[in-house]
Protein backbone atom coordinates (compact mmCIF):
# COMPACT_ATOMS: atom_id res chain seq x y z
CA MET A 1 0.16 -0.22 0.00
CA THR A 2 1.27 3.03 -0.94
CA THR A 3 0.89 6.61 0.62
CA THR A 4 0.90 10.35 -0.52
CA ASP A 5 3.73 10.36 1.43
CA ASP A 6 5.81 7.63 -0.57
CA LEU A 7 4.67 9.27 -4.09
CA GLN A 8 6.31 12.96 -2.71
CA PHE A 9 8.96 11.21 -1.69
CA VAL A 10 9.85 9.92 -4.94
CA ARG A 11 8.66 12.51 -6.76
CA ASP A 12 11.62 14.52 -4.70
CA LEU A 13 13.81 11.57 -5.06
CA ALA A 14 13.59 12.14 -9.19
CA ARG A 15 13.84 15.89 -8.86
CA SER A 16 17.42 15.14 -7.24
CA THR A 17 18.77 12.69 -9.22
CA ALA A 18 17.96 14.60 -12.15
CA ALA A 19 19.84 17.57 -10.35
CA LEU A 20 22.76 15.46 -9.47
CA VAL A 21 23.50 14.62 -13.31
CA ARG A 22 21.99 17.65 -15.09
CA ASP A 23 24.82 19.46 -16.11
CA GLN A 24 26.63 16.58 -17.40
CA ALA A 25 24.34 16.54 -20.20
CA GLY A 26 25.89 16.91 -23.46
CA HIS A 27 29.37 16.67 -21.90
CA VAL A 28 29.92 13.31 -20.76
CA GLU A 29 31.67 9.88 -21.98
CA ARG A 30 29.48 7.57 -24.09
CA LEU A 31 30.07 3.95 -23.02
CA THR A 32 28.86 0.57 -24.34
CA LYS A 33 27.07 -2.02 -22.00
CA THR A 34 29.10 -5.29 -21.99
CA HIS A 35 25.98 -7.23 -21.40
CA ALA A 36 23.40 -5.40 -23.97
CA THR A 37 21.63 -7.84 -26.08
CA THR A 38 22.89 -5.52 -29.24
CA THR A 39 26.72 -4.27 -29.76
CA ASP A 40 25.99 -0.62 -28.92
CA GLU A 41 23.73 -0.26 -26.25
CA ALA A 42 24.69 3.23 -24.66
CA VAL A 43 25.22 3.95 -20.95
CA THR A 44 27.01 6.78 -19.08
CA ALA A 45 29.35 6.97 -15.11
CA CYS A 46 25.98 9.20 -14.92
CA ASP A 47 23.53 6.48 -15.48
CA ARG A 48 25.30 4.89 -12.70
CA ALA A 49 26.05 7.27 -10.31
CA ALA A 50 21.89 8.15 -10.50
CA GLN A 51 21.03 4.35 -9.94
CA ARG A 52 23.22 4.36 -6.86
CA HIS A 53 21.89 7.57 -5.75
CA ILE A 54 18.22 6.20 -6.44
CA PHE A 55 18.83 2.63 -4.61
CA THR A 56 20.81 4.36 -1.60
CA ALA A 57 17.84 6.54 -0.47
CA LEU A 58 15.06 3.63 -1.61
CA ARG A 59 16.57 1.20 0.49
CA ALA A 60 17.01 3.28 3.55
CA ARG A 61 13.31 4.06 3.16
CA PHE A 62 12.13 0.69 2.60
CA PRO A 63 14.80 -1.81 3.39
CA ASP A 64 12.50 -4.55 2.55
CA ASP A 65 11.26 -3.88 -0.99
CA GLY A 66 13.24 -5.56 -3.93
CA PHE A 67 14.93 -3.62 -6.68
CA ILE A 68 15.22 -3.95 -10.30
CA GLY A 69 17.74 -1.56 -11.80
CA GLU A 70 18.48 -1.06 -15.37
CA GLU A 71 22.70 -0.24 -14.45
CA SER A 72 25.76 -2.03 -12.68
CA ASP A 73 28.78 -0.61 -11.90
CA ASP A 74 30.83 -2.70 -14.07
CA GLY A 75 28.42 -2.89 -16.65
CA SER A 76 28.27 -6.69 -16.94
CA GLY A 77 24.55 -6.91 -15.99
CA ILE A 78 21.77 -5.44 -14.10
CA THR A 79 20.92 -4.87 -10.77
CA HIS A 80 18.42 -7.43 -9.22
CA VAL A 81 18.29 -7.31 -5.24
CA ALA A 82 15.10 -9.52 -4.08
CA ALA A 83 12.52 -8.43 -2.30
CA ARG A 84 11.48 -10.05 1.32
CA ASN A 85 7.89 -8.64 0.54
CA ASP A 86 6.15 -8.27 -2.32
CA ARG A 87 6.95 -4.90 -3.70
CA VAL A 88 9.90 -4.64 -6.47
CA TRP A 89 11.17 -0.86 -7.54
CA VAL A 90 12.18 -0.84 -11.09
CA ILE A 91 14.52 1.63 -12.38
CA ASP A 92 16.09 3.55 -15.12
CA PRO A 93 18.33 6.22 -13.53
CA ILE A 94 18.39 8.12 -16.90
CA ASP A 95 16.02 7.15 -20.24
CA GLY A 96 17.26 8.30 -23.43
CA THR A 97 20.69 7.89 -22.64
CA ASN A 98 21.77 8.93 -26.21
CA ASN A 99 19.77 12.00 -25.70
CA PHE A 100 21.75 12.87 -22.92
CA VAL A 101 25.10 12.16 -24.14
CA ALA A 102 24.28 14.36 -27.33
CA GLY A 103 22.78 16.92 -25.13
CA LEU A 104 19.68 16.52 -26.61
CA GLY A 105 16.73 17.66 -24.33
CA CYS A 106 14.79 14.42 -24.04
CA TRP A 107 15.61 12.98 -21.24
CA ALA A 108 13.77 11.30 -17.84
CA VAL A 109 14.73 9.88 -14.47
CA CYS A 110 12.34 7.04 -14.09
CA ILE A 111 11.33 5.06 -10.87
CA GLY A 112 8.41 2.74 -10.69
CA LEU A 113 6.75 0.53 -7.92
CA LEU A 114 5.28 -3.09 -8.59
CA GLU A 115 3.23 -4.78 -5.96
CA ARG A 116 2.69 -8.49 -6.82
CA GLY A 117 3.54 -7.40 -10.39
CA HIS A 118 1.59 -4.52 -10.76
CA PRO A 119 2.09 -1.08 -11.52
CA VAL A 120 1.31 0.81 -8.28
CA LEU A 121 3.55 3.67 -8.26
CA GLY A 122 5.62 5.77 -10.92
CA VAL A 123 7.44 8.86 -11.39
CA VAL A 124 8.73 9.91 -14.71
CA HIS A 125 10.71 13.21 -14.36
CA ASP A 126 11.07 14.98 -17.66
CA ALA A 127 14.76 16.41 -16.17
CA ALA A 128 15.30 19.09 -19.06
CA HIS A 129 11.89 20.87 -18.90
CA GLY A 130 11.54 20.34 -14.69
CA ILE A 131 8.50 18.54 -15.75
CA SER A 132 7.36 15.55 -13.23
CA TYR A 133 4.90 13.36 -14.41
CA ALA A 134 3.84 11.05 -11.16
CA GLY A 135 0.89 8.93 -10.52
CA ALA A 136 -0.07 6.26 -7.59
CA ARG A 137 -3.08 4.13 -7.14
CA GLY A 138 -6.15 5.76 -5.85
CA GLN A 139 -3.90 8.82 -5.93
CA GLY A 140 -4.49 10.27 -9.29
CA ALA A 141 -2.42 10.93 -12.22
CA TRP A 142 -0.39 14.36 -12.15
CA VAL A 143 1.92 16.46 -14.11
CA ASP A 144 3.49 18.65 -11.68
CA ALA A 145 0.06 20.05 -9.24
CA ALA A 146 -2.24 19.44 -12.26
CA ARG A 147 -4.45 16.13 -12.08
CA VAL A 148 -4.51 14.67 -15.78
CA THR A 149 -6.48 12.07 -17.28
CA ALA A 150 -6.27 9.88 -20.52
CA SER A 151 -8.13 10.98 -23.33
CA VAL A 152 -11.46 9.58 -23.89
CA ASP A 153 -11.64 10.07 -27.66
CA GLY A 154 -11.17 7.64 -30.24
CA LEU A 155 -8.58 8.07 -32.84
CA SER A 156 -8.83 10.73 -35.73
CA ALA A 157 -6.67 12.42 -38.40
CA ARG A 158 -5.89 14.59 -35.11
CA SER A 159 -4.68 11.86 -32.89
CA LEU A 160 -1.09 11.57 -32.07
CA LEU A 161 0.59 8.30 -31.26
CA MET A 162 4.46 8.26 -29.91
CA LEU A 163 6.44 5.42 -31.23
CA SER A 164 9.93 4.17 -29.86
CA CYS A 165 12.65 4.75 -32.27
CA ASN A 166 13.28 1.16 -32.98
CA LEU A 167 10.42 -0.68 -35.17
CA VAL A 168 12.56 -3.04 -36.82
CA GLU A 169 11.43 -6.30 -36.67
CA PRO A 170 13.89 -9.64 -36.53
CA ASP A 171 14.07 -9.84 -39.98
CA GLY A 172 15.14 -6.33 -40.87
CA THR A 173 11.41 -5.26 -41.99
CA LEU A 174 9.36 -2.48 -40.37
CA PRO A 175 6.04 -3.35 -39.23
CA ALA A 176 3.19 -2.91 -42.00
CA TRP A 177 1.04 -0.68 -39.56
CA TYR A 178 4.17 1.77 -39.03
CA LEU A 179 4.22 2.16 -42.50
CA ARG A 180 0.60 2.27 -43.05
CA TRP A 181 0.28 5.41 -40.05
CA SER A 182 3.46 7.17 -41.43
CA ARG A 183 1.33 8.04 -44.72
CA GLN A 184 -1.98 8.47 -43.30
CA VAL A 185 -4.59 7.59 -40.33
CA THR A 186 -2.53 9.84 -37.55
CA LYS A 187 0.28 11.87 -36.48
CA LEU A 188 3.37 9.89 -35.63
CA ARG A 189 6.12 11.53 -33.03
CA VAL A 190 9.33 10.13 -32.00
CA LEU A 191 10.89 11.12 -28.71
CA GLY A 192 14.30 8.48 -27.99
CA SER A 193 12.78 8.26 -24.56
CA ALA A 194 10.22 5.84 -24.63
CA ALA A 195 9.00 6.60 -20.76
CA LEU A 196 8.54 10.16 -22.00
CA GLU A 197 6.25 8.83 -24.81
CA THR A 198 3.91 6.59 -22.88
CA VAL A 199 3.56 9.50 -19.85
CA GLN A 200 2.20 11.53 -23.07
CA VAL A 201 -1.31 8.80 -22.84
CA GLY A 202 -1.67 9.67 -19.28
CA ALA A 203 -1.38 13.45 -19.59
CA GLY A 204 -4.23 13.25 -22.53
CA ILE A 205 -1.75 14.65 -24.80
CA ALA A 206 -1.29 11.21 -27.21
CA HIS A 207 -3.90 8.27 -27.86
CA GLY A 208 -1.16 5.77 -27.79
CA ALA A 209 2.30 4.93 -27.54
CA ILE A 210 3.96 2.04 -28.67
CA THR A 211 7.32 0.23 -27.55
CA MET A 212 8.51 -2.72 -29.03
CA HIS A 213 12.25 -3.25 -27.92
CA GLY A 214 11.78 -1.72 -24.52
CA LYS A 215 12.83 -3.33 -20.96
CA LEU A 216 10.75 -3.49 -17.77
CA TRP A 217 12.18 -0.45 -16.62
CA ASP A 218 11.00 1.53 -19.60
CA LEU A 219 7.36 0.53 -18.54
CA VAL A 220 6.54 0.44 -14.64
CA ALA A 221 7.03 3.99 -14.06
CA PRO A 222 5.03 5.41 -16.92
CA ALA A 223 2.55 2.54 -16.57
CA ALA A 224 1.75 3.24 -13.18
CA ILE A 225 0.92 6.88 -14.56
CA VAL A 226 -1.16 5.96 -17.34
CA LEU A 227 -3.15 3.41 -15.76
CA GLU A 228 -4.13 5.13 -12.92
CA ALA A 229 -4.98 8.27 -15.39
CA GLY A 230 -7.38 5.96 -16.89
CA GLY A 231 -5.21 4.63 -20.05
CA VAL A 232 -4.96 0.66 -20.77
CA ILE A 233 -1.47 -1.26 -21.01
CA SER A 234 -1.30 -4.21 -23.42
CA ASP A 235 1.17 -6.25 -25.60
CA LEU A 236 0.86 -5.57 -28.96
CA GLY A 237 -1.73 -8.31 -29.23
CA GLY A 238 -3.96 -6.94 -26.52
CA LYS A 239 -2.72 -9.45 -23.64
CA ALA A 240 -1.97 -8.14 -20.22
CA VAL A 241 1.71 -7.41 -19.70
CA PHE A 242 0.83 -6.80 -15.40
CA PRO A 243 1.18 -8.66 -13.50
CA PHE A 244 4.64 -8.97 -14.29
CA VAL A 245 6.36 -12.13 -12.90
CA VAL A 246 9.86 -10.30 -11.90
CA GLN A 247 11.80 -13.49 -10.78
CA GLY A 248 14.61 -13.97 -12.94
CA TYR A 249 14.15 -11.28 -14.83
CA ALA A 250 17.62 -10.67 -16.62
CA GLY A 251 16.50 -7.50 -19.44
CA ALA A 252 14.38 -9.55 -21.69
CA LYS A 253 11.96 -7.44 -24.34
CA VAL A 254 8.61 -6.05 -23.21
CA PRO A 255 6.89 -5.06 -26.10
CA PHE A 256 3.89 -3.06 -24.99
CA LEU A 257 0.73 -0.03 -26.47
CA ALA A 258 -0.21 2.39 -24.11
CA ALA A 259 -3.41 3.94 -24.94
CA ALA A 260 -6.48 5.81 -24.17
CA PRO A 261 -9.68 3.92 -23.24
CA GLY A 262 -11.08 4.88 -26.46
CA ALA A 263 -8.09 4.14 -28.74
CA HIS A 264 -7.00 0.68 -27.42
CA ALA A 265 -9.42 -1.36 -29.49
CA GLN A 266 -8.80 0.39 -32.85
CA LEU A 267 -4.74 0.33 -32.32
CA LEU A 268 -5.17 -3.32 -31.68
CA ALA A 269 -7.43 -3.71 -34.54
CA GLU A 270 -5.10 -1.44 -36.88
CA ILE A 271 -2.01 -3.80 -35.57
CA ALA A 272 -3.80 -6.87 -36.19
CA ASP A 273 -5.32 -6.25 -39.45
CA HIS A 274 -1.47 -4.38 -40.99
CA SER A 275 0.90 -6.93 -39.68
């Protein structure tokens, strides 16, 4: 069970983490993860310092909770600390690392909480713009001090759809639904941060967000916000992503669709009809 104090604590923690590394954006060495599933997955010393900062604060306040973090200090794997209860924090200390390295102002600190496999609290702090997206079960979804909800409208030609930057299928092709959408149907946007793309659904700005090659830490924090805002989270076939079994998780891909309630079925139909 989360409290308003817990949500405020995580908001403050995300902000302090961003402050810790913000001045390094555009001025940091790009490293490569040795455990990555691709040969060129970026990491920086700032990612690791930010995760240490988050981990230290969470362990002090919630000593029995588990922890999954994207980074490790030596780059050999993720950080996975077992829980002594049914709560696991899932962290992406800098979502949009390539943007951060380049100095492009679109990266976020993401802190989410799974309880019995369900996202129940999340903060996605847009560090470059100083905007916090936050939500917790029963406490609403927020952009800074403004309460937000997902759009109740269906898709239209004016709808925004957020897409992750990597949409290439395993066989090297692009999905047919993407090729269709790029020519008509809706307006496509790519930010280079899966979490910032996804929270636009919870904020009522976008009708959908698709991430094909994301990981668990790309999803948990924004999912808590989207769900509390009345949105829907599923895989690209419409199956539930949550509850998520974290035991043994080592960084496998978690494709997902976040959508406004009136657009979810339409998007699934588009994907199914143009696959």
